[in-house]
Amino acid sequence: MLWAAESIYDGTWSSGPPPDEVVDFELMLATGWTWQELQETPWYVRRYTWDLMLTRRQAEQDAQERASRRSGA
């Protein structure tokens, strides 16, 4: 599991979707859910929360890159 996480976080992951354990960890970190709350959350809510979180992160990264280009950094 640590190898997969390291690969995901350093950007070299190329094995499809991340393992469920990594998704669960990221969801708990982002939402503040406990393990029990995560387990009680319907799968479809977990899925769209994950999708929205990734979409927001990508938009933030894109905005930061545009700002960097504008500032000449």
N, C-alpha and C. Protein backbone atom coordinates (compact mmCIF):
# COMPACT_ATOMS: atom_id res chain seq x y z
N MET A 1 0.82 -1.19 0.00
CA MET A 1 0.00 0.00 0.00
C MET A 1 0.87 1.26 0.00
N LEU A 2 1.95 1.24 0.74
CA LEU A 2 2.81 2.43 0.77
C LEU A 2 3.41 2.72 -0.60
N TRP A 3 3.78 1.66 -1.33
CA TRP A 3 4.33 1.87 -2.67
C TRP A 3 3.30 2.57 -3.56
N ALA A 4 2.07 2.10 -3.50
CA ALA A 4 1.01 2.71 -4.32
C ALA A 4 0.81 4.17 -3.93
N ALA A 5 0.75 4.45 -2.64
CA ALA A 5 0.55 5.83 -2.17
C ALA A 5 1.71 6.72 -2.62
N GLU A 6 2.94 6.24 -2.46
CA GLU A 6 4.09 7.04 -2.88
C GLU A 6 4.03 7.32 -4.38
N SER A 7 3.66 6.34 -5.15
CA SER A 7 3.56 6.50 -6.59
C SER A 7 2.47 7.50 -6.96
N ILE A 8 1.34 7.44 -6.28
CA ILE A 8 0.25 8.38 -6.53
C ILE A 8 0.68 9.80 -6.19
N TYR A 9 1.28 9.98 -5.02
CA TYR A 9 1.63 11.32 -4.56
C TYR A 9 2.79 11.94 -5.31
N ASP A 10 3.68 11.11 -5.86
CA ASP A 10 4.78 11.71 -6.63
C ASP A 10 4.46 11.83 -8.11
N GLY A 11 3.25 11.39 -8.50
CA GLY A 11 2.79 11.59 -9.87
C GLY A 11 3.22 10.53 -10.86
N THR A 12 3.73 9.39 -10.37
CA THR A 12 4.17 8.34 -11.29
C THR A 12 3.18 7.18 -11.38
N TRP A 13 2.04 7.28 -10.72
CA TRP A 13 1.03 6.22 -10.74
C TRP A 13 0.44 6.10 -12.14
N SER A 14 0.45 4.90 -12.68
CA SER A 14 -0.12 4.69 -14.00
C SER A 14 -0.89 3.37 -14.06
N SER A 15 -1.40 2.95 -12.93
CA SER A 15 -2.07 1.65 -12.85
C SER A 15 -3.58 1.77 -12.73
N GLY A 16 -4.15 2.80 -13.31
CA GLY A 16 -5.60 2.98 -13.24
C GLY A 16 -6.02 3.73 -11.99
N PRO A 17 -7.27 3.53 -11.57
CA PRO A 17 -7.76 4.24 -10.40
C PRO A 17 -6.94 3.89 -9.16
N PRO A 18 -6.85 4.81 -8.22
CA PRO A 18 -6.10 4.51 -7.00
C PRO A 18 -6.81 3.43 -6.18
N PRO A 19 -6.06 2.72 -5.35
CA PRO A 19 -6.67 1.72 -4.49
C PRO A 19 -7.71 2.35 -3.56
N ASP A 20 -8.71 1.57 -3.21
CA ASP A 20 -9.79 2.07 -2.33
C ASP A 20 -9.26 2.63 -1.03
N GLU A 21 -8.20 2.05 -0.50
CA GLU A 21 -7.63 2.52 0.77
C GLU A 21 -7.12 3.95 0.65
N VAL A 22 -6.52 4.27 -0.48
CA VAL A 22 -6.02 5.64 -0.68
C VAL A 22 -7.20 6.60 -0.84
N VAL A 23 -8.21 6.20 -1.58
CA VAL A 23 -9.40 7.02 -1.74
C VAL A 23 -10.06 7.26 -0.38
N ASP A 24 -10.20 6.20 0.41
CA ASP A 24 -10.80 6.34 1.74
C ASP A 24 -10.01 7.31 2.60
N PHE A 25 -8.69 7.18 2.59
CA PHE A 25 -7.84 8.07 3.37
C PHE A 25 -8.02 9.52 2.93
N GLU A 26 -8.00 9.76 1.62
CA GLU A 26 -8.14 11.12 1.11
C GLU A 26 -9.52 11.70 1.43
N LEU A 27 -10.56 10.89 1.32
CA LEU A 27 -11.90 11.37 1.67
C LEU A 27 -11.98 11.74 3.14
N MET A 28 -11.44 10.89 3.99
CA MET A 28 -11.48 11.18 5.43
C MET A 28 -10.69 12.45 5.74
N LEU A 29 -9.55 12.61 5.10
CA LEU A 29 -8.72 13.80 5.31
C LEU A 29 -9.43 15.07 4.86
N ALA A 30 -10.04 15.01 3.68
CA ALA A 30 -10.68 16.19 3.11
C ALA A 30 -11.99 16.56 3.81
N THR A 31 -12.73 15.56 4.26
CA THR A 31 -14.05 15.84 4.82
C THR A 31 -14.07 15.88 6.34
N GLY A 32 -13.06 15.30 6.96
CA GLY A 32 -13.06 15.20 8.41
C GLY A 32 -13.90 14.04 8.92
N TRP A 33 -14.36 13.19 8.00
CA TRP A 33 -15.14 12.03 8.41
C TRP A 33 -14.28 11.08 9.23
N THR A 34 -14.89 10.45 10.22
CA THR A 34 -14.23 9.37 10.94
C THR A 34 -14.38 8.10 10.10
N TRP A 35 -13.67 7.05 10.51
CA TRP A 35 -13.81 5.77 9.81
C TRP A 35 -15.25 5.30 9.86
N GLN A 36 -15.87 5.44 11.02
CA GLN A 36 -17.27 5.02 11.17
C GLN A 36 -18.18 5.83 10.25
N GLU A 37 -17.98 7.13 10.20
CA GLU A 37 -18.80 7.97 9.32
C GLU A 37 -18.59 7.59 7.85
N LEU A 38 -17.35 7.32 7.49
CA LEU A 38 -17.06 6.91 6.12
C LEU A 38 -17.80 5.61 5.80
N GLN A 39 -17.75 4.66 6.70
CA GLN A 39 -18.41 3.38 6.47
C GLN A 39 -19.93 3.52 6.40
N GLU A 40 -20.47 4.49 7.09
CA GLU A 40 -21.92 4.70 7.08
C GLU A 40 -22.39 5.53 5.88
N THR A 41 -21.45 6.10 5.13
CA THR A 41 -21.79 6.94 3.98
C THR A 41 -22.04 6.04 2.78
N PRO A 42 -23.17 6.23 2.11
CA PRO A 42 -23.46 5.40 0.93
C PRO A 42 -22.35 5.52 -0.12
N TRP A 43 -22.14 4.43 -0.85
CA TRP A 43 -21.05 4.40 -1.82
C TRP A 43 -21.17 5.51 -2.86
N TYR A 44 -22.40 5.82 -3.28
CA TYR A 44 -22.55 6.84 -4.32
C TYR A 44 -22.19 8.22 -3.79
N VAL A 45 -22.41 8.49 -2.52
CA VAL A 45 -22.02 9.78 -1.92
C VAL A 45 -20.50 9.84 -1.84
N ARG A 46 -19.88 8.73 -1.44
CA ARG A 46 -18.43 8.69 -1.40
C ARG A 46 -17.86 8.93 -2.80
N ARG A 47 -18.49 8.34 -3.81
CA ARG A 47 -18.00 8.46 -5.18
C ARG A 47 -18.11 9.90 -5.68
N TYR A 48 -19.28 10.54 -5.50
CA TYR A 48 -19.36 11.90 -6.04
C TYR A 48 -18.57 12.89 -5.19
N THR A 49 -18.38 12.60 -3.91
CA THR A 49 -17.52 13.45 -3.08
C THR A 49 -16.08 13.36 -3.60
N TRP A 50 -15.64 12.15 -3.91
CA TRP A 50 -14.31 11.94 -4.48
C TRP A 50 -14.16 12.68 -5.81
N ASP A 51 -15.14 12.51 -6.69
CA ASP A 51 -15.09 13.17 -7.99
C ASP A 51 -15.06 14.69 -7.86
N LEU A 52 -15.89 15.23 -6.99
CA LEU A 52 -15.91 16.68 -6.79
C LEU A 52 -14.60 17.18 -6.19
N MET A 53 -14.05 16.42 -5.27
CA MET A 53 -12.78 16.79 -4.65
C MET A 53 -11.67 16.85 -5.71
N LEU A 54 -11.62 15.85 -6.58
CA LEU A 54 -10.61 15.85 -7.64
C LEU A 54 -10.81 17.00 -8.62
N THR A 55 -12.06 17.29 -8.95
CA THR A 55 -12.36 18.39 -9.85
C THR A 55 -11.92 19.72 -9.24
N ARG A 56 -12.20 19.90 -7.96
CA ARG A 56 -11.79 21.14 -7.27
C ARG A 56 -10.28 21.26 -7.24
N ARG A 57 -9.59 20.17 -6.91
CA ARG A 57 -8.13 20.20 -6.86
C ARG A 57 -7.53 20.55 -8.22
N GLN A 58 -8.10 19.98 -9.29
CA GLN A 58 -7.59 20.28 -10.63
C GLN A 58 -7.82 21.74 -10.98
N ALA A 59 -8.98 22.27 -10.64
CA ALA A 59 -9.28 23.69 -10.91
C ALA A 59 -8.33 24.59 -10.14
N GLU A 60 -8.03 24.25 -8.89
CA GLU A 60 -7.09 25.04 -8.09
C GLU A 60 -5.69 24.99 -8.70
N GLN A 61 -5.27 23.81 -9.14
CA GLN A 61 -3.96 23.67 -9.76
C GLN A 61 -3.89 24.46 -11.06
N ASP A 62 -4.93 24.39 -11.88
CA ASP A 62 -4.97 25.14 -13.13
C ASP A 62 -4.90 26.64 -12.88
N ALA A 63 -5.64 27.11 -11.88
CA ALA A 63 -5.63 28.54 -11.55
C ALA A 63 -4.26 28.99 -11.08
N GLN A 64 -3.61 28.15 -10.29
CA GLN A 64 -2.27 28.48 -9.81
C GLN A 64 -1.27 28.54 -10.97
N GLU A 65 -1.38 27.61 -11.90
CA GLU A 65 -0.49 27.61 -13.06
C GLU A 65 -0.72 28.85 -13.93
N ARG A 66 -1.99 29.24 -14.12
CA ARG A 66 -2.28 30.45 -14.90
C ARG A 66 -1.70 31.69 -14.22
N ALA A 67 -1.85 31.75 -12.90
CA ALA A 67 -1.31 32.90 -12.15
C ALA A 67 0.21 32.93 -12.25
N SER A 68 0.84 31.80 -12.20
CA SER A 68 2.30 31.75 -12.32
C SER A 68 2.77 32.21 -13.70
N ARG A 69 2.04 31.79 -14.73
CA ARG A 69 2.39 32.22 -16.09
C ARG A 69 2.22 33.74 -16.25
N ARG A 70 1.14 34.27 -15.67
CA ARG A 70 0.91 35.71 -15.77
C ARG A 70 1.96 36.52 -15.06
N SER A 71 2.44 35.98 -13.94
CA SER A 71 3.44 36.73 -13.17
C SER A 71 4.85 36.54 -13.69
N GLY A 72 4.99 35.62 -14.65
CA GLY A 72 6.30 35.37 -15.22
C GLY A 72 7.20 34.50 -14.37
N ALA A 73 6.63 33.86 -13.37
CA ALA A 73 7.43 33.01 -12.47
C ALA A 73 7.72 31.67 -13.09
